[in-house]
Amino acid sequence: MSPLEPAPPSLATTPHATTTLDTKSDNQALPQDGKFDNIVNFRDPDDASARDKERLVNDIHLASVVDLRSKTEHIKASERRRDANRQIADSPTATTTTRPATSGYEHLIELPGVRRVMVSLVGTNLQLLLLWRLSWMNLILTLLSLLLGQRMFATRLIATHVMNARGLIGLAHDTLTSSKTEISTLFNTVFSESATYPTLIHCTQGKDRTGLVVILLLLLAGAEDESLSLEEEEEDDEGGAGSKPTTTINATMKKATTKNPWIPLTAISRDYHLSSTDLSQEFAERMREIEEVGLTEEFAGCPDGFVEEVERFIESGYGGVRPYLRSIGVSGEVQERVRGLLIA
């Protein structure tokens, strides 16, 4: 997560195509264990192998990729890709010369027929919030660094003096309150469209911003159907004060139905913590990336209580996921459309 970004295009898509990938010339069958070659925890799937791409397109039939990374993260990923390309070009076995790319997005995975959606959760309001938490001296240093084009130095100042103190849970709270425009965009224009699914949601590590968005989706998917709530209210009104409603959904003993597929919070939390295991093989590399921007080791893991704290914050501050989404401009109608697509 890097603040102070010029906002990337909120909705940038790759052209649709009708062709399918054919990578069987390498004589390697697709893995049958459900694992990918180069995609770990779906943290930036830019390095997907040919077999990974074939599986995404021809096996999973992926329709869209939702990229939550910031402009700075894209710049860094592009730099890594250019460095790798130069090493290949300089190799004694290289048969072609790799031309340096300059778009800033050349690292992005290319999948035929798959729509790309780019919505950075580090929006302007969140950037300003992090800035104003700096001391006056560090604020001046940060602004001067930005004016001089020293983006990474500015990012380190904010990471060291603000983001580390907030921690992943605090930053999740900040994102929910300050990145409402970006979250609203995701629900109103992306997740509400059937053409979006199946979708791959990712950020740099595939656990924090991705986790936050997925938590919102799962809380909504497991939320009570609004039509059931209306039916209960009508039954209460018709029956009078002394009667019992025909349908009762207890907050602690809900029965999952097609209309109301309750998802236990423990299941969401368990799913979130799977990232710790999936990412363990890349711990050293992730620590280098994290330390480079001034963050601590906490940002490499999945903190205990993350899902529970996000849910508690939404419940205590807004009354639940539905009121939260309404407060950021996602109508009940859109919520039901998203929910219907998720549980279909």
Protein backbone atom coordinates (compact mmCIF):
# COMPACT_ATOMS: atom_id res chain seq x y z
CA MET A 1 0.00 0.00 0.00
CA SER A 2 1.50 3.29 -1.04
CA PRO A 3 -0.23 6.62 -0.54
CA LEU A 4 -0.03 9.79 -2.58
CA GLU A 5 -0.75 8.28 -5.95
CA PRO A 6 -1.98 9.98 -9.07
CA ALA A 7 -5.13 7.90 -9.39
CA PRO A 8 -4.86 5.29 -12.13
CA PRO A 9 -7.79 4.88 -14.53
CA SER A 10 -10.57 3.65 -12.30
CA LEU A 11 -11.84 1.28 -14.94
CA ALA A 12 -9.27 0.21 -17.49
CA THR A 13 -10.02 -2.86 -19.52
CA THR A 14 -8.13 -4.96 -21.97
CA PRO A 15 -9.85 -5.49 -25.32
CA HIS A 16 -12.13 -8.48 -25.42
CA ALA A 17 -11.05 -11.32 -27.64
CA THR A 18 -12.63 -14.60 -28.66
CA THR A 19 -9.46 -16.65 -29.01
CA THR A 20 -8.37 -19.24 -26.47
CA LEU A 21 -4.89 -19.96 -25.23
CA ASP A 22 -3.05 -22.92 -26.69
CA THR A 23 0.05 -23.71 -24.68
CA LYS A 24 0.10 -27.51 -24.98
CA SER A 25 3.09 -27.34 -27.31
CA ASP A 26 5.30 -27.48 -24.22
CA ASN A 27 4.05 -31.06 -23.69
CA GLN A 28 3.12 -30.28 -20.08
CA ALA A 29 -0.30 -31.29 -18.86
CA LEU A 30 -2.30 -28.97 -16.64
CA PRO A 31 -1.76 -29.69 -12.93
CA GLN A 32 -4.54 -31.79 -11.44
CA ASP A 33 -4.02 -30.65 -7.83
CA GLY A 34 -5.55 -27.23 -8.37
CA LYS A 35 -2.22 -25.46 -7.89
CA PHE A 36 -0.61 -22.94 -10.21
CA ASP A 37 3.02 -22.76 -11.31
CA ASN A 38 3.80 -19.10 -10.62
CA ILE A 39 0.69 -17.66 -8.97
CA VAL A 40 1.08 -17.72 -5.18
CA ASN A 41 -2.00 -16.68 -3.18
CA PHE A 42 -3.02 -14.64 -6.25
CA ARG A 43 -0.65 -11.90 -5.12
CA ASP A 44 -0.08 -10.00 -8.37
CA PRO A 45 -0.51 -12.79 -10.95
CA ASP A 46 1.78 -10.94 -13.38
CA ASP A 47 4.25 -13.83 -13.53
CA ALA A 48 1.70 -16.45 -14.51
CA SER A 49 3.22 -19.24 -16.56
CA ALA A 50 1.81 -20.39 -19.89
CA ARG A 51 0.04 -23.26 -18.09
CA ASP A 52 -1.32 -20.83 -15.48
CA LYS A 53 -2.79 -18.66 -18.22
CA GLU A 54 -4.31 -21.65 -19.97
CA ARG A 55 -5.94 -22.79 -16.78
CA LEU A 56 -7.35 -19.33 -16.02
CA VAL A 57 -8.81 -18.92 -19.51
CA ASN A 58 -9.76 -22.40 -20.69
CA ASP A 59 -10.37 -24.25 -17.41
CA ILE A 60 -11.67 -21.63 -14.97
CA HIS A 61 -13.13 -19.47 -17.79
CA LEU A 62 -12.03 -16.31 -16.02
CA ALA A 63 -14.06 -13.27 -17.07
CA SER A 64 -12.27 -10.44 -15.27
CA VAL A 65 -9.26 -9.45 -13.18
CA VAL A 66 -9.84 -6.80 -10.48
CA ASP A 67 -6.51 -5.12 -9.67
CA LEU A 68 -6.46 -3.13 -6.40
CA ARG A 69 -2.83 -2.00 -6.60
CA SER A 70 -1.71 1.62 -6.45
CA LYS A 71 0.20 3.54 -9.10
CA THR A 72 3.46 3.22 -7.17
CA GLU A 73 3.03 -0.54 -6.95
CA HIS A 74 2.48 -0.73 -10.70
CA ILE A 75 5.60 1.35 -11.28
CA LYS A 76 7.66 -0.96 -9.08
CA ALA A 77 6.24 -4.06 -10.77
CA SER A 78 7.08 -2.58 -14.18
CA GLU A 79 10.63 -1.86 -13.06
CA ARG A 80 11.03 -5.46 -11.90
CA ARG A 81 9.70 -6.72 -15.22
CA ARG A 82 12.07 -4.48 -17.19
CA ASP A 83 15.02 -5.67 -15.09
CA ALA A 84 14.05 -9.28 -15.72
CA ASN A 85 13.68 -8.61 -19.45
CA ARG A 86 17.12 -6.99 -19.58
CA GLN A 87 18.66 -10.02 -17.89
CA ILE A 88 17.03 -12.28 -20.46
CA ALA A 89 18.17 -10.03 -23.31
CA ASP A 90 21.75 -10.01 -21.97
CA SER A 91 21.80 -13.77 -21.56
CA PRO A 92 24.20 -15.60 -23.91
CA THR A 93 21.32 -17.86 -24.96
CA ALA A 94 18.96 -15.00 -25.85
CA THR A 95 17.80 -15.12 -29.43
CA THR A 96 15.92 -11.82 -29.47
CA THR A 97 16.47 -8.42 -28.01
CA THR A 98 13.92 -7.34 -25.44
CA ARG A 99 12.89 -3.77 -26.07
CA PRO A 100 12.55 -1.75 -22.83
CA ALA A 101 8.92 -0.93 -22.20
CA THR A 102 7.88 2.47 -20.92
CA SER A 103 4.11 2.30 -20.39
CA GLY A 104 4.28 1.62 -16.66
CA TYR A 105 1.81 -1.25 -17.14
CA GLU A 106 3.82 -3.67 -19.26
CA HIS A 107 4.01 -6.09 -16.33
CA LEU A 108 0.28 -6.80 -16.45
CA ILE A 109 -0.80 -10.30 -17.34
CA GLU A 110 -2.45 -10.57 -20.75
CA LEU A 111 -5.36 -12.97 -21.00
CA PRO A 112 -7.52 -13.11 -24.14
CA GLY A 113 -11.16 -12.29 -23.52
CA VAL A 114 -10.56 -11.30 -19.89
CA ARG A 115 -11.61 -7.83 -18.75
CA ARG A 116 -9.14 -5.93 -16.56
CA VAL A 117 -10.52 -3.56 -13.91
CA MET A 118 -8.13 -1.25 -12.05
CA VAL A 119 -9.38 0.39 -8.86
CA SER A 120 -6.72 1.46 -6.37
CA LEU A 121 -8.07 1.34 -2.82
CA VAL A 122 -5.51 3.99 -1.87
CA GLY A 123 -7.73 6.86 -2.94
CA THR A 124 -7.25 10.58 -2.47
CA ASN A 125 -9.11 10.70 0.84
CA LEU A 126 -7.02 7.91 2.33
CA GLN A 127 -3.85 9.58 1.10
CA LEU A 128 -4.85 12.83 2.78
CA LEU A 129 -5.75 11.04 6.01
CA LEU A 130 -2.33 9.42 6.18
CA LEU A 131 -0.62 12.72 5.37
CA TRP A 132 -2.38 14.60 8.15
CA ARG A 133 -1.29 12.00 10.68
CA LEU A 134 2.33 13.01 10.08
CA SER A 135 4.08 15.48 12.32
CA TRP A 136 4.52 18.94 10.80
CA MET A 137 8.19 18.30 10.14
CA ASN A 138 7.58 14.96 8.43
CA LEU A 139 4.66 16.42 6.51
CA ILE A 140 6.90 19.14 5.09
CA LEU A 141 9.61 16.59 4.28
CA THR A 142 7.07 14.36 2.54
CA LEU A 143 5.64 17.17 0.43
CA LEU A 144 9.13 18.38 -0.54
CA SER A 145 10.10 14.84 -1.50
CA LEU A 146 7.06 14.55 -3.73
CA LEU A 147 7.80 17.90 -5.37
CA LEU A 148 11.35 16.71 -6.08
CA GLY A 149 10.11 13.44 -7.53
CA GLN A 150 11.38 11.35 -4.61
CA ARG A 151 8.25 9.20 -4.38
CA MET A 152 9.88 6.27 -2.59
CA PHE A 153 11.40 8.50 0.11
CA ALA A 154 7.99 10.08 0.71
CA THR A 155 6.39 6.65 0.91
CA ARG A 156 8.97 5.51 3.46
CA LEU A 157 8.24 8.53 5.65
CA ILE A 158 4.53 7.79 5.69
CA ALA A 159 5.05 4.06 6.18
CA THR A 160 7.52 4.54 9.02
CA HIS A 161 5.67 7.26 10.92
CA VAL A 162 2.00 6.46 10.20
CA MET A 163 1.29 3.08 8.64
CA ASN A 164 3.40 1.03 11.07
CA ALA A 165 1.67 2.68 14.01
CA ARG A 166 -1.78 1.98 12.55
CA GLY A 167 -1.04 -1.65 11.70
CA LEU A 168 -3.01 -3.74 9.24
CA ILE A 169 -6.21 -3.66 11.28
CA GLY A 170 -6.05 0.12 11.76
CA LEU A 171 -5.40 0.63 8.06
CA ALA A 172 -8.38 -1.61 7.24
CA HIS A 173 -10.56 0.70 9.36
CA ASP A 174 -9.05 3.73 7.60
CA THR A 175 -9.75 2.18 4.20
CA LEU A 176 -13.37 1.50 5.06
CA THR A 177 -13.90 5.12 6.15
CA SER A 178 -11.71 6.94 3.61
CA SER A 179 -11.87 4.81 0.44
CA LYS A 180 -15.66 4.81 0.21
CA THR A 181 -15.64 6.14 -3.35
CA GLU A 182 -13.39 3.33 -4.53
CA ILE A 183 -15.35 0.62 -2.70
CA SER A 184 -18.61 2.05 -4.04
CA THR A 185 -17.17 1.90 -7.56
CA LEU A 186 -16.32 -1.77 -7.13
CA PHE A 187 -19.84 -2.68 -6.00
CA ASN A 188 -21.80 -0.38 -8.32
CA THR A 189 -19.92 -0.92 -11.57
CA VAL A 190 -17.97 -4.17 -11.21
CA PHE A 191 -19.45 -6.71 -8.80
CA SER A 192 -23.02 -5.88 -9.84
CA GLU A 193 -22.46 -7.06 -13.43
CA SER A 194 -22.86 -10.72 -14.33
CA ALA A 195 -20.16 -10.34 -17.00
CA THR A 196 -17.63 -9.83 -14.19
CA TYR A 197 -17.80 -13.44 -13.01
CA PRO A 198 -15.76 -15.58 -12.52
CA THR A 199 -13.36 -12.90 -11.30
CA LEU A 200 -9.85 -12.79 -9.84
CA ILE A 201 -9.36 -10.07 -7.20
CA HIS A 202 -5.81 -9.23 -6.19
CA CYS A 203 -3.43 -6.61 -4.82
CA THR A 204 0.31 -6.99 -4.24
CA GLN A 205 0.18 -9.67 -1.54
CA GLY A 206 -3.37 -10.84 -2.08
CA LYS A 207 -4.37 -10.69 1.59
CA ASP A 208 -4.99 -7.19 3.01
CA ARG A 209 -6.82 -5.02 0.48
CA THR A 210 -7.96 -8.14 -1.34
CA GLY A 211 -8.98 -9.63 2.00
CA LEU A 212 -10.96 -6.52 2.94
CA VAL A 213 -12.91 -6.53 -0.33
CA VAL A 214 -13.56 -10.27 -0.12
CA ILE A 215 -14.73 -9.89 3.51
CA LEU A 216 -17.30 -7.31 2.37
CA LEU A 217 -18.46 -9.62 -0.42
CA LEU A 218 -18.78 -12.63 1.88
CA LEU A 219 -20.56 -10.63 4.59
CA LEU A 220 -23.03 -9.45 1.95
CA ALA A 221 -23.42 -12.95 0.49
CA GLY A 222 -24.22 -14.30 3.95
CA ALA A 223 -26.44 -11.40 4.97
CA GLU A 224 -30.16 -11.87 5.43
CA ASP A 225 -32.17 -11.49 2.25
CA GLU A 226 -33.94 -8.13 2.43
CA SER A 227 -37.14 -9.69 1.14
CA LEU A 228 -37.15 -12.03 4.15
CA SER A 229 -36.77 -9.05 6.49
CA LEU A 230 -39.71 -7.31 4.82
CA GLU A 231 -41.84 -10.47 5.08
CA GLU A 232 -41.07 -10.75 8.81
CA GLU A 233 -41.95 -7.09 9.42
CA GLU A 234 -45.24 -7.53 7.57
CA GLU A 235 -46.05 -10.67 9.57
CA ASP A 236 -45.28 -8.80 12.82
CA ASP A 237 -47.58 -5.96 11.80
CA GLU A 238 -50.40 -8.32 10.80
CA GLY A 239 -50.11 -10.51 13.87
CA GLY A 240 -50.18 -7.75 16.44
CA ALA A 241 -48.03 -7.13 19.48
CA GLY A 242 -48.87 -10.42 21.19
CA SER A 243 -48.24 -12.77 18.33
CA LYS A 244 -45.06 -14.47 17.17
CA PRO A 245 -43.76 -13.99 13.65
CA THR A 246 -44.11 -17.02 11.37
CA THR A 247 -40.43 -16.72 10.34
CA THR A 248 -37.73 -16.03 12.91
CA ILE A 249 -34.04 -15.80 12.09
CA ASN A 250 -31.99 -15.82 15.26
CA ALA A 251 -28.72 -13.88 15.01
CA THR A 252 -26.77 -16.73 16.58
CA MET A 253 -28.64 -19.75 15.15
CA LYS A 254 -29.40 -18.96 11.53
CA LYS A 255 -30.36 -21.70 9.10
CA ALA A 256 -28.70 -21.45 5.70
CA THR A 257 -31.18 -21.43 2.83
CA THR A 258 -30.97 -20.56 -0.85
CA LYS A 259 -32.19 -17.07 -0.02
CA ASN A 260 -30.16 -16.76 3.16
CA PRO A 261 -26.85 -18.69 2.86
CA TRP A 262 -25.41 -17.61 6.21
CA ILE A 263 -21.59 -17.73 6.19
CA PRO A 264 -19.99 -18.18 9.63
CA LEU A 265 -17.42 -15.52 10.49
CA THR A 266 -15.07 -18.32 11.55
CA ALA A 267 -15.14 -19.67 7.99
CA ILE A 268 -14.27 -16.24 6.55
CA SER A 269 -11.45 -15.87 9.08
CA ARG A 270 -10.10 -19.35 8.33
CA ASP A 271 -10.08 -18.55 4.62
CA TYR A 272 -8.24 -15.26 5.26
CA HIS A 273 -5.55 -16.99 7.32
CA LEU A 274 -4.86 -19.51 4.55
CA SER A 275 -2.81 -16.71 2.98
CA SER A 276 -0.19 -17.10 5.71
CA THR A 277 0.53 -20.64 4.58
CA ASP A 278 0.29 -19.87 0.87
CA LEU A 279 2.69 -16.94 1.15
CA SER A 280 5.22 -18.59 3.44
CA GLN A 281 7.33 -19.79 0.52
CA GLU A 282 7.86 -16.19 -0.54
CA PHE A 283 8.42 -14.73 2.92
CA ALA A 284 12.00 -13.57 2.27
CA GLU A 285 11.04 -11.85 -0.98
CA ARG A 286 8.01 -10.19 0.60
CA MET A 287 10.10 -8.96 3.52
CA ARG A 288 12.52 -7.29 1.09
CA GLU A 289 9.59 -5.54 -0.60
CA ILE A 290 8.07 -4.52 2.73
CA GLU A 291 11.30 -3.25 4.27
CA GLU A 292 12.06 -1.31 1.10
CA VAL A 293 9.07 0.93 1.75
CA GLY A 294 9.70 1.18 5.50
CA LEU A 295 7.09 -1.27 6.81
CA THR A 296 7.54 -3.81 9.59
CA GLU A 297 7.23 -7.59 9.57
CA GLU A 298 3.58 -7.35 10.63
CA PHE A 299 2.70 -6.40 7.08
CA ALA A 300 4.01 -9.72 5.80
CA GLY A 301 1.52 -11.78 7.77
CA CYS A 302 -2.17 -12.15 8.51
CA PRO A 303 -2.83 -10.68 11.98
CA ASP A 304 -5.10 -12.58 14.36
CA GLY A 305 -8.52 -11.02 14.65
CA PHE A 306 -8.35 -9.17 11.33
CA VAL A 307 -11.67 -10.48 9.99
CA GLU A 308 -13.39 -10.19 13.37
CA GLU A 309 -12.20 -6.59 13.84
CA VAL A 310 -13.35 -5.59 10.36
CA GLU A 311 -16.79 -7.10 11.04
CA ARG A 312 -16.96 -5.47 14.50
CA PHE A 313 -16.00 -2.08 13.03
CA ILE A 314 -18.75 -2.33 10.41
CA GLU A 315 -21.33 -3.54 12.94
CA SER A 316 -20.55 -0.95 15.61
CA GLY A 317 -20.08 1.97 13.24
CA TYR A 318 -22.78 1.32 10.67
CA GLY A 319 -25.04 -1.46 11.93
CA GLY A 320 -23.86 -4.11 9.50
CA VAL A 321 -22.59 -4.59 5.97
CA ARG A 322 -25.85 -3.54 4.32
CA PRO A 323 -26.07 -0.14 6.11
CA TYR A 324 -22.36 0.39 5.47
CA LEU A 325 -22.77 -0.18 1.74
CA ARG A 326 -25.84 2.08 1.66
CA SER A 327 -23.84 4.81 3.42
CA ILE A 328 -21.23 4.80 0.63
CA GLY A 329 -23.79 4.93 -2.17
CA VAL A 330 -24.55 1.27 -2.92
CA SER A 331 -28.33 1.00 -3.01
CA GLY A 332 -30.31 -1.94 -1.66
CA GLU A 333 -31.19 -2.91 -5.22
CA VAL A 334 -27.52 -3.07 -6.24
CA GLN A 335 -26.67 -4.99 -3.06
CA GLU A 336 -29.29 -7.61 -3.89
CA ARG A 337 -27.97 -7.87 -7.44
CA VAL A 338 -24.42 -8.44 -6.18
CA ARG A 339 -25.61 -10.87 -3.56
CA GLY A 340 -27.68 -12.78 -6.09
CA LEU A 341 -24.68 -13.17 -8.37
CA LEU A 342 -22.52 -14.38 -5.48
CA ILE A 343 -24.93 -17.06 -4.26
CA ALA A 344 -26.29 -18.13 -7.65
